[in-house]
Every structure is written in structure tokens, then in C-alpha cells.
Amino acid sequence: MPRLLITDAVPLDPAAGAYGDACWIEVGDDGRIAGTGTGPAPTVPDGTPVLEAAGATVMPGLIDAHVHLLLTTLHQGEAASWTPGYATVRALAEAGRMLRRGFTTVRDVGGADRGMVRALEEGLMPGPRLVAGGMALSQTGGHGDIRPLGQDWRPCCQHQAGFARIADGPQEVRAAAREEFRKGAQHLKLLVSGGVASPHDEVSAVQYTDEEIRAAVVEADNHNRYVTVHAYHPRAVNRALRLGVRCVEHGNLLDQETIGLLLERGAFLVPTLITYEMLAEHGRAAGLPEASVRKVADVRQAGLSALERAHAAGVNLVYGSDLLGPMTAAQLGEFELRAQVQPNADVIRAATTTAARLLRMEGEIGTLSVGAHADLLVLDGDPLTDISVLTRPETRKHVVKAGALI
């Protein structure tokens, strides 16, 4: 029995950056698109939900390729008192809010685990399709080492709720990678430069050695997975690309050599501009340490220029937000920032077809093709000419995930 029939839809094809003729879309009982057509809609059994789009835009659901579901506060002291169970419930509640914003798939790049993936797959909580990478790997004193300076011991067994674990040397990196893949990680994230949110390192710091990065890349390849890296500046980004990583998160300070390497390797870049805007405006009040507040300016101004240059060169660009705590409410704001230097169609591709390629789910998500998951948005307006159609709640008539109206 069909799960849903949508009639009189104006389909937006992100790959073409164009609209098709008004059509019907039928969703099978497996939650995938079973058929589309421009003629009369098929007859469906009584009781099948029918959504009359009435000429509204129907497009694939959005994909955010850089989230941290577990980081629901910027107050590190507060989070330290949470049990893993409480942190997970908070995270799944945020996942539900992401789905209602129109994100039907998210890639978690530090923290979420297979248990959260399973809970969402089973419908125990509403939320997007979750592609989780387990814990990111950090060297001692790196971006993921947020221990107080007076603490000289590592957390026992690295089982605390958080976004990263510490691994030093090729052997430890290899073992940590194998452990994350054993637990179901779909990719591996390495922290190879300093960061904004980590109070004890510099953005320009280079982290991990060639041998450590190479060990992670080999393990990922052996497991049919890939490595993505947190990195801002060319010293870190370019070295990681030469060593075989497939994706770069942030990259605000990239140079022309970086762009050349991204193109040569067919790698992906996931800028996260909105997080720096929100951190600059609300970070201090939200509990970001003062040392981190001062670092925001180091990367904020360069981000848009880096995106513009990467776009002009034809780099594979993917949508990411990287918002933490209460700032996650601004998740859609990345669209309007990118539209300052990119055509709307290209920004939409970053959150649909290109993101699907990064996640190795091309043809499965980010498309209205027959056989794809029926993850859809029904919008009142034309996002190709007005990107705010995607960011204003009143234009979002319906969110559909796996053929179910949210």
C-alpha cells in the first residue's frame, strides 16, 4: 500500500538547478519514492494520505553535514555533570528540532554514536536520518582535549559523553580508529589544527604528525570509510589532503594551493560560516570561554572570502552549520550567508546533491529520483530566486521524512 501521494507539485531538481513540470509523487510502503509523473495522479487505496501541494515547490530534504548533536550547551562545567543518558536525551530532542527545520539528514562529526542512530531509525524519537562518526580523534593538548589545565589524567576508557577522544602516536590512532569503526562510525574525524571552542590551543596550531594522519587514513580505507579533518589554515589542511583525507571541515584560511589540492584529489570542503556569526554575537552570553571569544575574529572575516574563491574554482562544497548549544536555532542561516557569494542553486546543491555524494548516499538522498528516500520539503515560494524561502518558517508548509508527514 502506498504510504503517501503528493499531487500538483512543482519539483525542484537541485542537480539541474531548475524546476520541472507540475507532477505527482507517490511514496511506497518502504518510504521511498515509488513513482512520479506529469499526467493524472494514480488511484490509491482508501486511507492513503494524499497531500495536495497546490502548485507549491517540492524539493529534496536538506542535509547538514556538520553537526554536533551532543553539544547542547557551551557551558563546559555544566556539561561535565551530565550523565551520558541525560546528554543523549537532550541531543535527540535537538535532532527533532533539526528535522522540523527541514533537515532530513545530518552528519554528526563528533559525539553521536550508533545507539542514537538506532533510536532515530526505529522512530523512538523524531529526527533526521543520522550519519554518525563516533568520537573525533585529538592529540593530547589538541582541539578535542578540553580537560582543565590542572587535570593530568585522561578520562577512564574514553567513555564520557563528548565529541572527542585523545589518541597519540600512530599505534593509538590506529587502535582508536578501529574502535570507532567497530562501534559503527561511518567516517572518522581527525582534529589537525587548533580551534575556536577549545580554550587551550591556537587556531594556527598544527596538530598530529604525518604518520598519525596516515595511520587514520589507512584504517578508514581498510574499513571502506573515509577521514575528514577539522582544520583552518593551509599548513594543516594541505598536509592532510596530501596524506589522503577526503573532506575538510571549516578551511577558513585556505590558500590557492589548498584549492588546487581539493580539486586534484576530488575532496570536499564543508565551510561553517554561521557558527562564527553566532559565536561573535552570542558566544560570551552562551558560556563560551573568553579565550575562545577572542579567537572568533581570527577565522570569521576570512570565511566568506574562502568560500567565494573555492566556489569560483569549482571545489566540491557541502553545507555545514557547526552550531553549538542554543545557537543551533540559527541552523538555516548558513543559506543566507553563502548566497552572498554563490548563486542560490549552488547553495541548494551543497545541502542536497553534493552533500549526498560526500555521504556516499548519491541517489538515496538529496534527490527526487524514483528509488530515493522520500525525504522532502513542500515550500511556499521559489528558493532559486529567494533563498529566504528556505530560512523562514512560514514558507515551510510540510516536512516529509521517509514518506511520513512531520
Protein backbone atom coordinates (compact mmCIF):
# COMPACT_ATOMS: atom_id res chain seq x y z
CA MET A 1 0.00 0.00 0.00
CA PRO A 2 1.40 3.46 -0.84
CA ARG A 3 2.48 5.50 2.14
CA LEU A 4 1.73 8.92 0.62
CA LEU A 5 0.61 10.57 -2.62
CA ILE A 6 1.57 14.18 -3.38
CA THR A 7 -0.32 15.90 -6.18
CA ASP A 8 0.16 19.15 -8.14
CA ALA A 9 3.78 19.54 -7.02
CA VAL A 10 6.31 21.77 -8.75
CA PRO A 11 9.52 19.72 -8.41
CA LEU A 12 12.89 21.36 -7.86
CA ASP A 13 15.80 19.33 -9.24
CA PRO A 14 18.93 20.50 -7.37
CA ALA A 15 21.32 18.87 -9.85
CA ALA A 16 19.84 20.87 -12.73
CA GLY A 17 19.09 23.93 -10.62
CA ALA A 18 15.69 24.11 -12.32
CA TYR A 19 12.04 23.27 -11.89
CA GLY A 20 10.17 20.53 -13.69
CA ASP A 21 6.55 20.45 -14.80
CA ALA A 22 3.81 20.06 -12.21
CA CYS A 23 3.68 16.41 -11.21
CA TRP A 24 2.53 13.81 -8.74
CA ILE A 25 4.87 11.87 -6.45
CA GLU A 26 3.94 8.50 -5.00
CA VAL A 27 5.72 7.06 -1.98
CA GLY A 28 5.80 3.31 -1.46
CA ASP A 29 5.33 1.50 1.81
CA ASP A 30 9.12 1.31 2.15
CA GLY A 31 9.32 5.10 2.47
CA ARG A 32 10.97 5.54 -0.93
CA ILE A 33 9.74 7.38 -4.00
CA ALA A 34 7.87 4.75 -6.00
CA GLY A 35 6.91 6.85 -8.99
CA THR A 36 6.39 10.33 -10.41
CA GLY A 37 4.54 11.62 -13.40
CA THR A 38 3.01 14.64 -15.07
CA GLY A 39 -0.26 13.03 -16.12
CA PRO A 40 -3.27 12.19 -13.97
CA ALA A 41 -2.31 11.03 -10.49
CA PRO A 42 -2.67 7.29 -9.87
CA THR A 43 -5.58 5.94 -7.91
CA VAL A 44 -4.53 4.93 -4.41
CA PRO A 45 -6.34 2.73 -1.90
CA ASP A 46 -8.73 4.31 0.56
CA GLY A 47 -6.92 5.52 3.62
CA THR A 48 -3.73 6.52 1.79
CA PRO A 49 -2.75 10.07 2.81
CA VAL A 50 -2.96 12.49 -0.11
CA LEU A 51 -1.10 15.80 0.09
CA GLU A 52 -2.37 18.38 -2.38
CA ALA A 53 0.62 20.63 -2.96
CA ALA A 54 -1.47 23.10 -4.96
CA GLY A 55 1.49 24.29 -7.03
CA ALA A 56 3.93 24.52 -4.14
CA THR A 57 7.63 23.80 -4.60
CA VAL A 58 8.64 20.26 -3.66
CA MET A 59 12.37 19.63 -3.23
CA PRO A 60 14.60 17.06 -1.51
CA GLY A 61 15.03 17.39 2.24
CA LEU A 62 18.06 19.33 3.41
CA ILE A 63 21.36 17.80 4.53
CA ASP A 64 23.58 19.39 7.18
CA ALA A 65 26.98 17.72 7.03
CA HIS A 66 28.47 19.28 10.16
CA VAL A 67 26.51 18.98 13.39
CA HIS A 68 27.34 18.00 16.97
CA LEU A 69 24.11 16.66 18.44
CA LEU A 70 25.62 16.01 21.87
CA LEU A 71 26.97 19.55 22.32
CA THR A 72 23.77 21.17 23.55
CA THR A 73 25.48 23.70 25.80
CA LEU A 74 28.59 25.87 25.68
CA HIS A 75 28.97 25.71 29.47
CA GLN A 76 31.65 23.03 29.84
CA GLY A 77 31.27 22.96 33.61
CA GLU A 78 27.56 22.28 33.30
CA ALA A 79 28.04 19.53 30.72
CA ALA A 80 30.65 17.84 32.91
CA SER A 81 27.92 16.98 35.43
CA TRP A 82 25.64 15.30 32.89
CA THR A 83 25.28 11.56 32.67
CA PRO A 84 25.53 10.01 29.18
CA GLY A 85 21.81 9.23 29.33
CA TYR A 86 20.81 12.80 30.04
CA ALA A 87 23.15 14.15 27.36
CA THR A 88 21.67 11.74 24.83
CA VAL A 89 18.07 12.74 25.59
CA ARG A 90 19.00 16.39 25.13
CA ALA A 91 20.71 15.51 21.85
CA LEU A 92 17.73 13.60 20.48
CA ALA A 93 15.43 16.47 21.38
CA GLU A 94 17.66 18.76 19.31
CA ALA A 95 17.55 16.23 16.47
CA GLY A 96 13.79 16.61 16.41
CA ARG A 97 14.10 20.37 16.09
CA MET A 98 16.54 19.93 13.21
CA LEU A 99 14.02 17.76 11.38
CA ARG A 100 11.30 20.34 11.82
CA ARG A 101 13.63 22.95 10.28
CA GLY A 102 13.75 20.80 7.14
CA PHE A 103 16.97 18.85 7.70
CA THR A 104 16.05 15.27 6.90
CA THR A 105 19.67 14.03 7.06
CA VAL A 106 22.54 15.23 9.25
CA ARG A 107 26.14 14.08 9.56
CA ASP A 108 27.45 14.22 13.10
CA VAL A 109 31.20 14.87 13.14
CA GLY A 110 31.97 14.27 16.77
CA GLY A 111 29.94 12.66 19.54
CA ALA A 112 26.88 10.84 18.22
CA ASP A 113 27.04 7.05 18.30
CA ARG A 114 25.31 4.02 16.85
CA GLY A 115 22.77 3.99 19.69
CA MET A 116 21.50 7.42 18.67
CA VAL A 117 21.40 6.33 15.03
CA ARG A 118 19.34 3.30 16.01
CA ALA A 119 16.92 5.29 18.16
CA LEU A 120 16.17 7.60 15.24
CA GLU A 121 15.96 4.74 12.74
CA GLU A 122 13.43 2.96 14.93
CA GLY A 123 11.38 6.12 15.40
CA LEU A 124 11.82 6.17 19.16
CA MET A 125 12.30 9.91 18.81
CA PRO A 126 11.57 12.11 15.80
CA GLY A 127 14.67 13.26 14.00
CA PRO A 128 16.62 13.29 10.74
CA ARG A 129 18.49 10.42 9.16
CA LEU A 130 21.73 10.40 11.20
CA VAL A 131 25.15 9.60 9.74
CA ALA A 132 27.43 9.38 12.77
CA GLY A 133 31.21 9.27 13.01
CA GLY A 134 31.53 8.45 16.69
CA MET A 135 34.13 10.41 18.59
CA ALA A 136 36.65 12.61 16.81
CA LEU A 137 40.33 11.92 17.48
CA SER A 138 42.50 14.56 19.13
CA GLN A 139 46.11 14.60 20.17
CA THR A 140 46.96 15.47 23.76
CA GLY A 141 46.57 19.23 24.08
CA GLY A 142 44.69 19.39 20.79
CA HIS A 143 41.33 20.81 19.80
CA GLY A 144 39.48 17.91 21.40
CA ASP A 145 41.42 17.91 24.69
CA ILE A 146 39.22 20.15 26.83
CA ARG A 147 40.50 18.95 30.20
CA PRO A 148 41.16 21.68 32.76
CA LEU A 149 44.84 22.59 32.86
CA GLY A 150 45.13 21.15 36.35
CA GLN A 151 43.94 17.71 35.27
CA ASP A 152 46.77 15.34 34.33
CA TRP A 153 44.78 12.14 33.83
CA ARG A 154 42.69 11.00 30.90
CA PRO A 155 39.03 10.04 31.39
CA CYS A 156 38.76 6.30 32.03
CA CYS A 157 38.23 4.30 28.84
CA GLN A 158 37.19 7.45 26.94
CA HIS A 159 33.52 6.62 27.66
CA GLN A 160 32.41 10.08 28.76
CA ALA A 161 29.73 11.83 26.71
CA GLY A 162 31.59 14.25 24.48
CA PHE A 163 32.74 14.90 20.98
CA ALA A 164 36.38 13.68 21.02
CA ARG A 165 38.80 11.15 22.46
CA ILE A 166 42.56 11.50 22.88
CA ALA A 167 44.92 9.30 20.86
CA ASP A 168 48.67 9.92 20.50
CA GLY A 169 51.07 8.20 18.11
CA PRO A 170 50.27 6.03 15.08
CA GLN A 171 49.51 2.96 17.20
CA GLU A 172 47.00 4.75 19.43
CA VAL A 173 45.41 6.49 16.45
CA ARG A 174 45.09 3.17 14.66
CA ALA A 175 43.54 1.49 17.71
CA ALA A 176 41.15 4.39 18.32
CA ALA A 177 40.07 4.40 14.68
CA ARG A 178 39.42 0.67 14.78
CA GLU A 179 37.40 1.11 17.96
CA GLU A 180 35.22 3.84 16.46
CA PHE A 181 34.62 1.79 13.32
CA ARG A 182 33.83 -1.26 15.48
CA LYS A 183 31.14 0.81 17.18
CA GLY A 184 29.58 1.80 13.86
CA ALA A 185 31.27 5.05 12.80
CA GLN A 186 30.53 5.91 9.16
CA HIS A 187 33.58 8.17 8.89
CA LEU A 188 36.48 9.24 11.08
CA LYS A 189 37.23 12.80 12.07
CA LEU A 190 40.73 13.97 12.96
CA LEU A 191 41.39 17.29 14.65
CA VAL A 192 44.53 18.53 12.87
CA SER A 193 44.57 22.20 13.83
CA GLY A 194 43.62 24.36 16.76
CA GLY A 195 40.06 25.62 17.06
CA VAL A 196 37.80 28.33 18.36
CA ALA A 197 35.89 26.39 21.01
CA SER A 198 38.99 24.78 22.55
CA PRO A 199 40.41 27.29 25.06
CA HIS A 200 43.99 25.97 25.35
CA ASP A 201 45.28 25.94 21.76
CA GLU A 202 45.79 28.43 18.95
CA VAL A 203 43.84 28.36 15.70
CA SER A 204 47.17 28.31 13.84
CA ALA A 205 48.49 25.29 15.75
CA VAL A 206 49.31 22.23 13.65
CA GLN A 207 48.16 19.01 15.30
CA TYR A 208 49.02 15.38 14.56
CA THR A 209 52.02 14.18 12.57
CA ASP A 210 52.13 12.75 9.07
CA GLU A 211 52.49 9.24 10.49
CA GLU A 212 49.43 9.65 12.73
CA ILE A 213 47.26 11.05 9.92
CA ARG A 214 48.43 8.33 7.55
CA ALA A 215 47.51 5.65 10.10
CA ALA A 216 43.97 7.03 10.31
CA VAL A 217 43.62 7.23 6.52
CA VAL A 218 44.80 3.63 6.07
CA GLU A 219 42.40 2.34 8.72
CA ALA A 220 39.49 4.25 7.21
CA ASP A 221 40.28 2.90 3.78
CA ASN A 222 40.54 -0.63 5.16
CA HIS A 223 37.06 -0.23 6.64
CA ASN A 224 35.63 1.30 3.44
CA ARG A 225 35.23 4.60 5.28
CA TYR A 226 36.96 7.97 4.94
CA VAL A 227 38.69 10.62 7.05
CA THR A 228 37.53 14.19 7.43
CA VAL A 229 39.61 16.79 9.25
CA HIS A 230 38.94 19.83 11.37
CA ALA A 231 41.40 22.40 10.06
CA TYR A 232 41.55 26.12 9.34
CA HIS A 233 44.86 27.06 7.78
CA PRO A 234 46.98 25.77 4.88
CA ARG A 235 49.74 24.25 7.00
CA ALA A 236 47.22 21.80 8.43
CA VAL A 237 44.75 21.48 5.55
CA ASN A 238 47.26 20.97 2.73
CA ARG A 239 49.26 18.35 4.57
CA ALA A 240 46.09 16.39 5.40
CA LEU A 241 44.93 16.48 1.78
CA ARG A 242 48.29 15.20 0.56
CA LEU A 243 48.02 12.33 3.03
CA GLY A 244 44.67 11.20 1.63
CA VAL A 245 41.87 12.72 3.68
CA ARG A 246 38.61 13.06 1.76
CA CYS A 247 37.00 16.04 3.41
CA VAL A 248 37.94 19.27 5.19
CA GLU A 249 35.76 20.95 7.80
CA HIS A 250 35.96 24.78 8.00
CA GLY A 251 39.04 25.72 5.91
CA ASN A 252 38.53 29.45 6.52
CA LEU A 253 42.17 30.37 5.98
CA LEU A 254 42.78 28.27 2.86
CA ASP A 255 45.16 29.43 0.13
CA GLN A 256 45.42 28.80 -3.61
CA GLU A 257 47.42 25.65 -3.03
CA THR A 258 44.59 24.33 -0.85
CA ILE A 259 42.12 24.93 -3.64
CA GLY A 260 44.39 23.13 -6.09
CA LEU A 261 44.69 20.12 -3.78
CA LEU A 262 40.94 19.97 -3.18
CA LEU A 263 40.37 19.89 -6.93
CA GLU A 264 43.19 17.45 -7.66
CA ARG A 265 42.00 14.99 -5.00
CA GLY A 266 38.27 15.45 -5.67
CA ALA A 267 37.95 16.23 -1.97
CA PHE A 268 35.10 18.04 -0.25
CA LEU A 269 35.06 21.28 1.73
CA VAL A 270 32.45 21.94 4.42
CA PRO A 271 32.52 25.64 5.38
CA THR A 272 30.60 26.52 8.55
CA LEU A 273 30.18 30.29 8.37
CA ILE A 274 27.07 30.66 10.50
CA THR A 275 28.77 29.39 13.64
CA TYR A 276 31.24 32.29 13.68
CA GLU A 277 28.45 34.83 13.23
CA MET A 278 26.57 33.34 16.16
CA LEU A 279 29.66 32.98 18.32
CA ALA A 280 30.60 36.61 17.68
CA GLU A 281 27.11 37.76 18.61
CA HIS A 282 26.10 35.37 21.38
CA GLY A 283 29.14 33.30 22.36
CA ARG A 284 30.05 35.13 25.53
CA ALA A 285 26.49 35.15 26.86
CA ALA A 286 26.05 31.48 25.95
CA GLY A 287 29.05 30.48 28.07
CA LEU A 288 31.91 30.37 25.57
CA PRO A 289 35.23 30.84 27.41
CA GLU A 290 36.79 34.26 26.98
CA ALA A 291 39.84 32.78 25.29
CA SER A 292 37.57 31.29 22.65
CA VAL A 293 35.61 34.50 22.16
CA ARG A 294 38.85 36.26 21.22
CA LYS A 295 39.64 33.62 18.59
CA VAL A 296 36.38 34.01 16.67
CA ALA A 297 37.67 37.07 14.80
CA ASP A 298 40.69 35.08 13.57
CA VAL A 299 38.51 32.99 11.29
CA ARG A 300 35.22 34.87 10.91
CA GLN A 301 36.27 37.51 8.41
CA ALA A 302 38.20 35.10 6.18
CA GLY A 303 35.43 32.52 5.86
CA LEU A 304 33.25 34.18 3.24
CA SER A 305 36.23 35.05 1.05
CA ALA A 306 37.48 31.46 1.24
CA LEU A 307 34.06 30.18 0.22
CA GLU A 308 33.87 32.60 -2.71
CA ARG A 309 37.28 31.53 -4.04
CA ALA A 310 36.55 27.84 -3.59
CA HIS A 311 33.22 28.21 -5.39
CA ALA A 312 34.78 30.08 -8.30
CA ALA A 313 37.33 27.27 -8.72
CA GLY A 314 34.70 24.52 -8.72
CA VAL A 315 35.53 22.85 -5.37
CA ASN A 316 33.01 20.31 -4.02
CA LEU A 317 31.21 22.44 -1.42
CA VAL A 318 28.92 20.95 1.21
CA TYR A 319 26.51 22.61 3.64
CA GLY A 320 27.51 22.62 7.32
CA SER A 321 26.49 24.66 10.36
CA ASP A 322 28.59 23.51 13.38
CA LEU A 323 26.32 25.37 15.79
CA LEU A 324 26.51 24.53 19.47
CA GLY A 325 24.06 24.82 22.33
CA PRO A 326 21.18 27.29 21.93
CA MET A 327 22.74 28.73 18.77
CA THR A 328 21.56 25.67 16.82
CA ALA A 329 18.32 27.59 16.23
CA ALA A 330 20.26 29.53 13.53
CA GLN A 331 20.98 26.33 11.55
CA LEU A 332 19.29 27.66 8.40
CA GLY A 333 21.22 30.94 8.50
CA GLU A 334 24.10 29.40 6.55
CA PHE A 335 21.95 29.63 3.41
CA GLU A 336 21.75 33.41 3.50
CA LEU A 337 25.46 33.83 4.27
CA ARG A 338 26.51 31.64 1.34
CA ALA A 339 24.05 33.33 -1.01
CA GLN A 340 26.11 36.50 -0.66
CA VAL A 341 28.82 34.93 -2.85
CA GLN A 342 27.10 31.97 -4.56
CA PRO A 343 24.03 31.57 -6.77
CA ASN A 344 21.09 30.13 -4.86
CA ALA A 345 21.14 26.96 -6.95
CA ASP A 346 24.71 26.21 -5.89
CA VAL A 347 23.93 26.78 -2.23
CA ILE A 348 21.00 24.38 -2.54
CA ARG A 349 23.22 21.77 -4.21
CA ALA A 350 25.61 21.99 -1.25
CA ALA A 351 22.73 20.93 1.02
CA THR A 352 21.38 18.22 -1.29
CA THR A 353 23.21 16.53 -4.17
CA THR A 354 26.80 17.40 -3.27
CA ALA A 355 26.21 16.53 0.37
CA ALA A 356 24.74 13.19 -0.72
CA ARG A 357 27.94 12.45 -2.68
CA LEU A 358 30.07 13.23 0.37
CA LEU A 359 27.96 10.88 2.49
CA ARG A 360 28.20 8.23 -0.25
CA MET A 361 24.43 8.23 -0.50
CA GLU A 362 24.10 9.61 -4.02
CA GLY A 363 20.73 8.61 -5.45
CA GLU A 364 19.49 7.76 -1.95
CA ILE A 365 19.00 11.27 -0.56
CA GLY A 366 19.19 14.82 -1.92
CA THR A 367 17.12 13.91 -4.98
CA LEU A 368 13.52 13.36 -6.11
CA SER A 369 14.51 10.36 -8.25
CA VAL A 370 12.47 7.18 -8.14
CA GLY A 371 14.00 4.82 -5.59
CA ALA A 372 15.35 7.58 -3.35
CA HIS A 373 14.23 8.01 0.24
CA ALA A 374 11.10 10.17 0.26
CA ASP A 375 12.68 12.94 2.33
CA LEU A 376 11.03 16.09 1.01
CA LEU A 377 10.20 19.72 1.68
CA VAL A 378 7.00 21.40 0.49
CA LEU A 379 7.64 25.14 0.26
CA ASP A 380 5.53 28.19 -0.39
CA GLY A 381 7.85 30.11 -2.71
CA ASP A 382 10.80 29.89 -5.06
CA PRO A 383 14.15 29.28 -3.32
CA LEU A 384 16.04 29.61 -6.61
CA THR A 385 15.21 33.32 -6.68
CA ASP A 386 14.70 33.96 -2.95
CA ILE A 387 16.90 31.93 -0.61
CA SER A 388 14.91 33.13 2.41
CA VAL A 389 12.15 30.73 1.31
CA LEU A 390 14.35 28.07 2.93
CA THR A 391 15.03 30.05 6.10
CA ARG A 392 11.61 31.46 7.02
CA PRO A 393 9.39 29.02 8.97
CA GLU A 394 6.18 30.37 7.46
CA THR A 395 7.21 29.25 3.95
CA ARG A 396 7.80 25.65 5.08
CA LYS A 397 4.42 24.04 4.51
CA HIS A 398 5.43 20.45 5.13
CA VAL A 399 8.46 18.32 6.01
CA VAL A 400 8.32 14.71 4.85
CA LYS A 401 10.75 12.04 6.03
CA ALA A 402 10.58 8.54 4.55
CA GLY A 403 7.11 9.39 3.25
CA ALA A 404 5.75 10.41 6.65
CA LEU A 405 4.45 13.94 7.22
CA ILE A 406 6.25 15.55 10.15
